[in-house]
N, C-alpha and C. Protein backbone atom coordinates (compact mmCIF):
# COMPACT_ATOMS: atom_id res chain seq x y z
N MET A 1 -149.28 95.24 -72.05
CA MET A 1 -150.35 96.22 -72.18
C MET A 1 -151.65 95.53 -71.75
N ASN A 2 -152.39 96.14 -70.80
CA ASN A 2 -153.66 95.55 -70.36
C ASN A 2 -154.77 95.89 -71.34
N GLY A 3 -155.96 95.34 -71.09
CA GLY A 3 -157.09 95.52 -72.00
C GLY A 3 -157.48 96.98 -72.18
N ALA A 4 -157.51 97.74 -71.09
CA ALA A 4 -157.89 99.16 -71.19
C ALA A 4 -156.85 99.94 -71.98
N ASP A 5 -155.56 99.68 -71.73
CA ASP A 5 -154.50 100.37 -72.47
C ASP A 5 -154.60 100.07 -73.97
N ALA A 6 -154.87 98.81 -74.30
CA ALA A 6 -154.99 98.43 -75.71
C ALA A 6 -156.19 99.13 -76.35
N ALA A 7 -157.29 99.21 -75.62
CA ALA A 7 -158.49 99.87 -76.17
C ALA A 7 -158.21 101.34 -76.43
N TYR A 8 -157.56 102.02 -75.49
CA TYR A 8 -157.31 103.45 -75.67
C TYR A 8 -156.22 103.73 -76.69
N ALA A 9 -155.40 102.75 -77.00
CA ALA A 9 -154.41 102.92 -78.06
C ALA A 9 -155.09 102.94 -79.44
N ASP A 10 -156.30 102.39 -79.51
CA ASP A 10 -157.08 102.38 -80.75
C ASP A 10 -157.74 103.75 -80.91
N LEU A 11 -157.44 104.44 -81.98
CA LEU A 11 -157.96 105.79 -82.19
C LEU A 11 -159.47 105.81 -82.41
N ALA A 12 -160.09 104.65 -82.63
CA ALA A 12 -161.54 104.58 -82.83
C ALA A 12 -162.29 104.34 -81.52
N VAL A 13 -161.60 104.40 -80.38
CA VAL A 13 -162.26 104.26 -79.08
C VAL A 13 -162.49 105.65 -78.52
N TYR A 14 -163.74 105.94 -78.24
CA TYR A 14 -164.13 107.24 -77.68
C TYR A 14 -164.93 106.96 -76.41
N TYR A 15 -164.32 107.23 -75.26
CA TYR A 15 -164.94 106.90 -73.98
C TYR A 15 -164.45 107.91 -72.94
N TRP A 16 -165.40 108.54 -72.26
CA TRP A 16 -165.05 109.55 -71.27
C TRP A 16 -165.82 109.34 -69.97
N ALA A 17 -165.18 109.68 -68.88
CA ALA A 17 -165.89 109.78 -67.60
C ALA A 17 -166.52 111.17 -67.55
N VAL A 18 -167.70 111.25 -66.97
CA VAL A 18 -168.34 112.54 -66.72
C VAL A 18 -167.98 112.90 -65.29
N VAL A 19 -167.30 114.04 -65.14
CA VAL A 19 -166.73 114.44 -63.85
C VAL A 19 -167.30 115.79 -63.45
N ARG A 20 -167.69 115.91 -62.20
CA ARG A 20 -168.17 117.21 -61.70
C ARG A 20 -166.99 118.17 -61.57
N LYS A 21 -167.17 119.37 -62.10
CA LYS A 21 -166.10 120.37 -62.04
C LYS A 21 -165.79 120.77 -60.61
N GLU A 22 -166.83 120.81 -59.76
CA GLU A 22 -166.67 121.30 -58.38
C GLU A 22 -165.69 120.47 -57.56
N ASP A 23 -165.74 119.13 -57.73
CA ASP A 23 -164.94 118.29 -56.84
C ASP A 23 -164.24 117.12 -57.53
N GLY A 24 -164.39 117.01 -58.85
CA GLY A 24 -163.72 115.94 -59.58
C GLY A 24 -164.37 114.57 -59.43
N GLU A 25 -165.55 114.52 -58.83
CA GLU A 25 -166.23 113.24 -58.64
C GLU A 25 -166.73 112.71 -59.98
N VAL A 26 -166.47 111.43 -60.23
CA VAL A 26 -166.98 110.78 -61.43
C VAL A 26 -168.45 110.45 -61.19
N ILE A 27 -169.32 110.98 -62.07
CA ILE A 27 -170.76 110.79 -61.88
C ILE A 27 -171.41 110.02 -63.02
N GLY A 28 -170.63 109.67 -64.03
CA GLY A 28 -171.19 108.93 -65.15
C GLY A 28 -170.18 108.70 -66.24
N GLU A 29 -170.70 108.32 -67.39
CA GLU A 29 -169.86 108.03 -68.55
C GLU A 29 -170.60 108.41 -69.82
N ILE A 30 -169.83 108.71 -70.85
CA ILE A 30 -170.38 108.98 -72.17
C ILE A 30 -169.39 108.39 -73.18
N PHE A 31 -169.93 107.70 -74.18
CA PHE A 31 -169.05 106.96 -75.07
C PHE A 31 -169.70 106.73 -76.42
N VAL A 32 -168.85 106.42 -77.41
CA VAL A 32 -169.32 106.00 -78.72
C VAL A 32 -169.44 104.49 -78.67
N ASP A 33 -170.65 103.98 -78.98
CA ASP A 33 -170.80 102.53 -78.92
C ASP A 33 -171.04 101.88 -80.28
N ASP A 34 -171.02 102.68 -81.33
CA ASP A 34 -171.09 102.14 -82.69
C ASP A 34 -170.60 103.24 -83.63
N LEU A 35 -169.97 102.85 -84.73
CA LEU A 35 -169.51 103.85 -85.69
C LEU A 35 -169.28 103.23 -87.04
N SER A 36 -169.30 104.09 -88.03
CA SER A 36 -168.93 103.71 -89.40
C SER A 36 -167.90 104.73 -89.88
N GLU A 37 -166.66 104.29 -89.99
CA GLU A 37 -165.63 105.19 -90.49
C GLU A 37 -165.90 105.56 -91.95
N ARG A 38 -166.35 104.59 -92.73
CA ARG A 38 -166.62 104.82 -94.15
C ARG A 38 -167.68 105.90 -94.34
N ASN A 39 -168.75 105.83 -93.56
CA ASN A 39 -169.86 106.78 -93.71
C ASN A 39 -169.78 107.96 -92.75
N ARG A 40 -168.75 107.99 -91.93
CA ARG A 40 -168.47 109.09 -90.99
C ARG A 40 -169.65 109.39 -90.06
N TRP A 41 -170.23 108.33 -89.47
CA TRP A 41 -171.26 108.52 -88.46
C TRP A 41 -170.90 107.69 -87.23
N CYS A 42 -171.46 108.08 -86.10
CA CYS A 42 -171.28 107.29 -84.89
C CYS A 42 -172.52 107.44 -84.01
N GLU A 43 -172.60 106.55 -83.03
CA GLU A 43 -173.70 106.60 -82.07
C GLU A 43 -173.12 106.75 -80.68
N VAL A 44 -173.67 107.69 -79.91
CA VAL A 44 -173.22 107.91 -78.55
C VAL A 44 -174.23 107.35 -77.56
N ASP A 45 -173.73 107.02 -76.40
CA ASP A 45 -174.55 106.55 -75.30
C ASP A 45 -174.01 107.21 -74.04
N TYR A 46 -174.87 107.41 -73.07
CA TYR A 46 -174.44 108.04 -71.82
C TYR A 46 -175.21 107.44 -70.66
N LYS A 47 -174.54 107.44 -69.52
CA LYS A 47 -175.13 106.95 -68.28
C LYS A 47 -174.65 107.86 -67.16
N ILE A 48 -175.59 108.39 -66.41
CA ILE A 48 -175.29 109.30 -65.30
C ILE A 48 -175.95 108.75 -64.05
N GLY A 49 -175.26 108.82 -62.92
CA GLY A 49 -175.84 108.37 -61.66
C GLY A 49 -177.14 109.09 -61.35
N THR A 50 -178.11 108.36 -60.84
CA THR A 50 -179.44 108.94 -60.61
C THR A 50 -179.41 110.15 -59.67
N ALA A 51 -178.46 110.20 -58.77
CA ALA A 51 -178.36 111.35 -57.86
C ALA A 51 -178.03 112.65 -58.61
N TYR A 52 -177.60 112.53 -59.88
CA TYR A 52 -177.18 113.70 -60.63
C TYR A 52 -178.11 114.02 -61.79
N TRP A 53 -179.25 113.37 -61.86
CA TRP A 53 -180.23 113.65 -62.90
C TRP A 53 -180.83 115.04 -62.70
N ASN A 54 -181.26 115.64 -63.79
CA ASN A 54 -181.96 116.94 -63.78
C ASN A 54 -181.13 118.08 -63.22
N ARG A 55 -179.83 118.01 -63.42
CA ARG A 55 -178.93 119.07 -62.98
C ARG A 55 -178.12 119.67 -64.12
N GLY A 56 -178.35 119.19 -65.33
CA GLY A 56 -177.66 119.73 -66.50
C GLY A 56 -176.34 119.07 -66.83
N TYR A 57 -175.87 118.14 -66.00
CA TYR A 57 -174.57 117.50 -66.25
C TYR A 57 -174.57 116.71 -67.55
N THR A 58 -175.64 115.96 -67.79
CA THR A 58 -175.68 115.12 -68.98
C THR A 58 -175.73 115.97 -70.24
N THR A 59 -176.55 117.01 -70.22
CA THR A 59 -176.63 117.89 -71.39
C THR A 59 -175.29 118.55 -71.68
N GLU A 60 -174.62 119.03 -70.64
CA GLU A 60 -173.32 119.67 -70.83
C GLU A 60 -172.31 118.68 -71.41
N ALA A 61 -172.29 117.46 -70.88
CA ALA A 61 -171.36 116.45 -71.38
C ALA A 61 -171.68 116.08 -72.83
N LEU A 62 -172.96 115.90 -73.13
CA LEU A 62 -173.34 115.52 -74.49
C LEU A 62 -173.00 116.63 -75.48
N ARG A 63 -173.26 117.87 -75.14
CA ARG A 63 -172.89 118.98 -76.03
C ARG A 63 -171.40 118.98 -76.32
N ALA A 64 -170.58 118.80 -75.30
CA ALA A 64 -169.13 118.80 -75.48
C ALA A 64 -168.69 117.65 -76.37
N VAL A 65 -169.26 116.48 -76.16
CA VAL A 65 -168.89 115.31 -76.96
C VAL A 65 -169.36 115.47 -78.41
N LEU A 66 -170.57 115.99 -78.60
CA LEU A 66 -171.05 116.23 -79.97
C LEU A 66 -170.12 117.20 -80.69
N ASP A 67 -169.73 118.27 -80.04
CA ASP A 67 -168.83 119.24 -80.64
C ASP A 67 -167.50 118.58 -81.00
N TYR A 68 -166.96 117.80 -80.09
CA TYR A 68 -165.68 117.12 -80.33
C TYR A 68 -165.79 116.15 -81.51
N LEU A 69 -166.82 115.32 -81.50
CA LEU A 69 -166.95 114.31 -82.55
C LEU A 69 -167.20 114.92 -83.92
N LEU A 70 -167.98 115.99 -83.98
CA LEU A 70 -168.30 116.62 -85.26
C LEU A 70 -167.18 117.54 -85.74
N CYS A 71 -166.63 118.33 -84.84
CA CYS A 71 -165.67 119.37 -85.25
C CYS A 71 -164.21 118.93 -85.19
N GLN A 72 -163.86 118.09 -84.23
CA GLN A 72 -162.47 117.67 -84.09
C GLN A 72 -162.19 116.34 -84.79
N VAL A 73 -163.05 115.35 -84.54
CA VAL A 73 -162.83 114.03 -85.14
C VAL A 73 -163.24 114.03 -86.60
N GLY A 74 -164.31 114.74 -86.93
CA GLY A 74 -164.74 114.84 -88.32
C GLY A 74 -165.90 113.94 -88.71
N PHE A 75 -166.65 113.43 -87.73
CA PHE A 75 -167.85 112.69 -88.09
C PHE A 75 -168.83 113.64 -88.77
N HIS A 76 -169.58 113.12 -89.72
CA HIS A 76 -170.62 113.89 -90.41
C HIS A 76 -171.93 113.85 -89.62
N ARG A 77 -172.16 112.73 -88.93
CA ARG A 77 -173.43 112.49 -88.23
C ARG A 77 -173.14 111.81 -86.90
N VAL A 78 -173.84 112.28 -85.86
CA VAL A 78 -173.79 111.62 -84.55
C VAL A 78 -175.24 111.35 -84.16
N GLN A 79 -175.51 110.12 -83.75
CA GLN A 79 -176.86 109.76 -83.36
C GLN A 79 -176.87 109.17 -81.97
N ALA A 80 -178.07 109.11 -81.38
CA ALA A 80 -178.27 108.50 -80.07
C ALA A 80 -179.70 108.00 -80.02
N LYS A 81 -179.94 107.02 -79.17
CA LYS A 81 -181.30 106.53 -79.01
C LYS A 81 -181.56 106.19 -77.55
N CYS A 82 -182.85 106.17 -77.20
CA CYS A 82 -183.24 105.80 -75.85
C CYS A 82 -184.60 105.13 -75.90
N ALA A 83 -184.96 104.46 -74.81
CA ALA A 83 -186.28 103.86 -74.71
C ALA A 83 -187.33 104.95 -74.89
N SER A 84 -188.40 104.62 -75.58
CA SER A 84 -189.43 105.62 -75.84
C SER A 84 -190.06 106.15 -74.55
N SER A 85 -189.98 105.40 -73.48
CA SER A 85 -190.52 105.84 -72.19
C SER A 85 -189.56 106.76 -71.43
N ASN A 86 -188.32 106.91 -71.92
CA ASN A 86 -187.31 107.70 -71.22
C ASN A 86 -187.34 109.15 -71.72
N THR A 87 -188.35 109.88 -71.33
CA THR A 87 -188.51 111.25 -71.80
C THR A 87 -187.40 112.17 -71.30
N ALA A 88 -186.82 111.85 -70.14
CA ALA A 88 -185.71 112.67 -69.63
C ALA A 88 -184.51 112.60 -70.59
N SER A 89 -184.21 111.41 -71.08
CA SER A 89 -183.09 111.27 -72.01
C SER A 89 -183.41 111.96 -73.34
N GLU A 90 -184.65 111.86 -73.78
CA GLU A 90 -185.05 112.59 -75.00
C GLU A 90 -184.84 114.09 -74.81
N HIS A 91 -185.20 114.59 -73.64
CA HIS A 91 -185.04 116.02 -73.37
C HIS A 91 -183.56 116.42 -73.42
N VAL A 92 -182.68 115.57 -72.90
CA VAL A 92 -181.24 115.83 -72.96
C VAL A 92 -180.79 115.95 -74.41
N MET A 93 -181.22 115.00 -75.24
CA MET A 93 -180.81 115.03 -76.65
C MET A 93 -181.33 116.29 -77.35
N GLN A 94 -182.57 116.67 -77.04
CA GLN A 94 -183.14 117.88 -77.64
C GLN A 94 -182.37 119.12 -77.20
N LYS A 95 -182.07 119.23 -75.88
CA LYS A 95 -181.33 120.39 -75.38
C LYS A 95 -179.92 120.46 -75.95
N ALA A 96 -179.36 119.30 -76.32
CA ALA A 96 -178.01 119.27 -76.90
C ALA A 96 -178.03 119.58 -78.39
N GLY A 97 -179.21 119.79 -78.97
CA GLY A 97 -179.30 120.18 -80.37
C GLY A 97 -179.58 119.05 -81.34
N MET A 98 -179.89 117.87 -80.83
CA MET A 98 -180.19 116.74 -81.70
C MET A 98 -181.65 116.80 -82.14
N GLN A 99 -181.91 116.27 -83.33
CA GLN A 99 -183.24 116.28 -83.91
C GLN A 99 -183.85 114.87 -83.88
N PRO A 100 -185.15 114.76 -83.58
CA PRO A 100 -185.78 113.44 -83.62
C PRO A 100 -185.88 112.92 -85.05
N GLU A 101 -185.60 111.64 -85.22
CA GLU A 101 -185.65 111.05 -86.56
C GLU A 101 -186.64 109.91 -86.68
N GLY A 102 -187.11 109.39 -85.56
CA GLY A 102 -188.10 108.32 -85.68
C GLY A 102 -188.09 107.37 -84.51
N ARG A 103 -188.96 106.40 -84.63
CA ARG A 103 -189.17 105.38 -83.59
C ARG A 103 -188.85 104.01 -84.19
N LEU A 104 -188.06 103.23 -83.48
CA LEU A 104 -187.75 101.86 -83.88
C LEU A 104 -188.62 100.95 -83.02
N ARG A 105 -189.61 100.35 -83.64
CA ARG A 105 -190.61 99.58 -82.91
C ARG A 105 -190.06 98.23 -82.46
N GLY A 106 -190.42 97.84 -81.22
CA GLY A 106 -190.03 96.53 -80.69
C GLY A 106 -188.53 96.29 -80.73
N TYR A 107 -187.74 97.30 -80.42
CA TYR A 107 -186.29 97.26 -80.63
C TYR A 107 -185.54 96.43 -79.60
N PHE A 108 -186.01 96.43 -78.35
CA PHE A 108 -185.29 95.67 -77.32
C PHE A 108 -186.24 95.00 -76.35
N LEU A 109 -185.76 93.92 -75.76
CA LEU A 109 -186.53 93.16 -74.79
C LEU A 109 -186.27 93.74 -73.40
N CYS A 110 -187.32 94.16 -72.73
CA CYS A 110 -187.20 94.78 -71.41
C CYS A 110 -186.71 93.76 -70.38
N LYS A 111 -185.84 94.19 -69.50
CA LYS A 111 -185.30 93.32 -68.46
C LYS A 111 -186.36 92.91 -67.44
N ASP A 112 -187.39 93.73 -67.27
CA ASP A 112 -188.39 93.44 -66.24
C ASP A 112 -189.50 92.51 -66.72
N GLY A 113 -189.36 91.96 -67.92
CA GLY A 113 -190.33 91.00 -68.41
C GLY A 113 -191.57 91.61 -69.05
N ARG A 114 -191.59 92.92 -69.28
CA ARG A 114 -192.75 93.57 -69.90
C ARG A 114 -192.87 93.29 -71.38
N GLY A 115 -191.91 92.64 -71.97
CA GLY A 115 -191.94 92.39 -73.40
C GLY A 115 -191.00 93.33 -74.13
N PHE A 116 -191.29 93.58 -75.37
CA PHE A 116 -190.44 94.43 -76.20
C PHE A 116 -190.86 95.88 -76.10
N ASP A 117 -189.88 96.77 -76.19
CA ASP A 117 -190.16 98.20 -76.12
C ASP A 117 -189.56 98.89 -77.35
N ASP A 118 -190.08 100.06 -77.63
CA ASP A 118 -189.60 100.89 -78.73
C ASP A 118 -188.45 101.78 -78.27
N VAL A 119 -187.66 102.25 -79.22
CA VAL A 119 -186.68 103.29 -78.93
C VAL A 119 -186.93 104.45 -79.89
N VAL A 120 -186.51 105.63 -79.46
CA VAL A 120 -186.56 106.81 -80.32
C VAL A 120 -185.14 107.15 -80.72
N LEU A 121 -184.99 107.59 -81.95
CA LEU A 121 -183.69 107.89 -82.53
C LEU A 121 -183.58 109.40 -82.76
N TYR A 122 -182.46 109.96 -82.30
CA TYR A 122 -182.13 111.37 -82.51
C TYR A 122 -180.78 111.45 -83.20
N ALA A 123 -180.55 112.54 -83.92
CA ALA A 123 -179.25 112.73 -84.58
C ALA A 123 -178.98 114.20 -84.80
N VAL A 124 -177.71 114.50 -85.02
CA VAL A 124 -177.28 115.83 -85.42
C VAL A 124 -176.24 115.64 -86.52
N LEU A 125 -176.27 116.54 -87.49
CA LEU A 125 -175.29 116.50 -88.58
C LEU A 125 -174.24 117.58 -88.35
N LYS A 126 -173.09 117.39 -88.98
CA LYS A 126 -172.01 118.37 -88.83
C LYS A 126 -172.50 119.77 -89.15
N ASP A 127 -173.23 119.88 -90.26
CA ASP A 127 -173.89 121.14 -90.57
C ASP A 127 -175.20 121.11 -89.80
N ARG A 128 -175.19 121.65 -88.60
CA ARG A 128 -176.32 121.51 -87.68
C ARG A 128 -177.60 122.15 -88.18
N THR A 129 -177.53 122.89 -89.27
CA THR A 129 -178.75 123.45 -89.82
C THR A 129 -179.45 122.44 -90.73
N SER A 130 -178.73 121.36 -91.09
CA SER A 130 -179.32 120.32 -91.93
C SER A 130 -180.20 119.42 -91.09
N LYS A 131 -181.25 118.91 -91.70
CA LYS A 131 -182.15 118.03 -90.97
C LYS A 131 -182.30 116.71 -91.66
C-alpha cells in the first residue's frame, strides 16, 4: 500500500480535488487540515488555480464540503482562516455561510519578508442559525 492509499484508508482524511463540471479539469483542492474528533470540529483549507478565481468554483466547493462535513460526517463546527489581506477568500467564506469570529494577530510569517501577518477566522456550526 503506497502513502496515498494508506492516507485514504484512514477515515479521518478528508481531501478532494475541485473539478470543473464542464470538462473534468482539476482546478484546485479542498481539504480538512486539522480536526478534533473529541470536540467534533475541523478546519478546512482550499486552493484554487488563479485562472479560476472569481467564477464561483471555490464557493460551490466549500458549500458542498461544509454540508458533507456537518450533515454526513457529523462535525459540530467547521472553521477556516485566511490572511487578513485576502479579502477574496473572506468573501468565499461569507458566501458559503460562515460567520466571522475574529482576528489572530501576528499568526504567520510572510514568505516575502514583510514580517508577521494576521489571519481572520470564520466558522459555521451544524445548527447554522447558531453564532
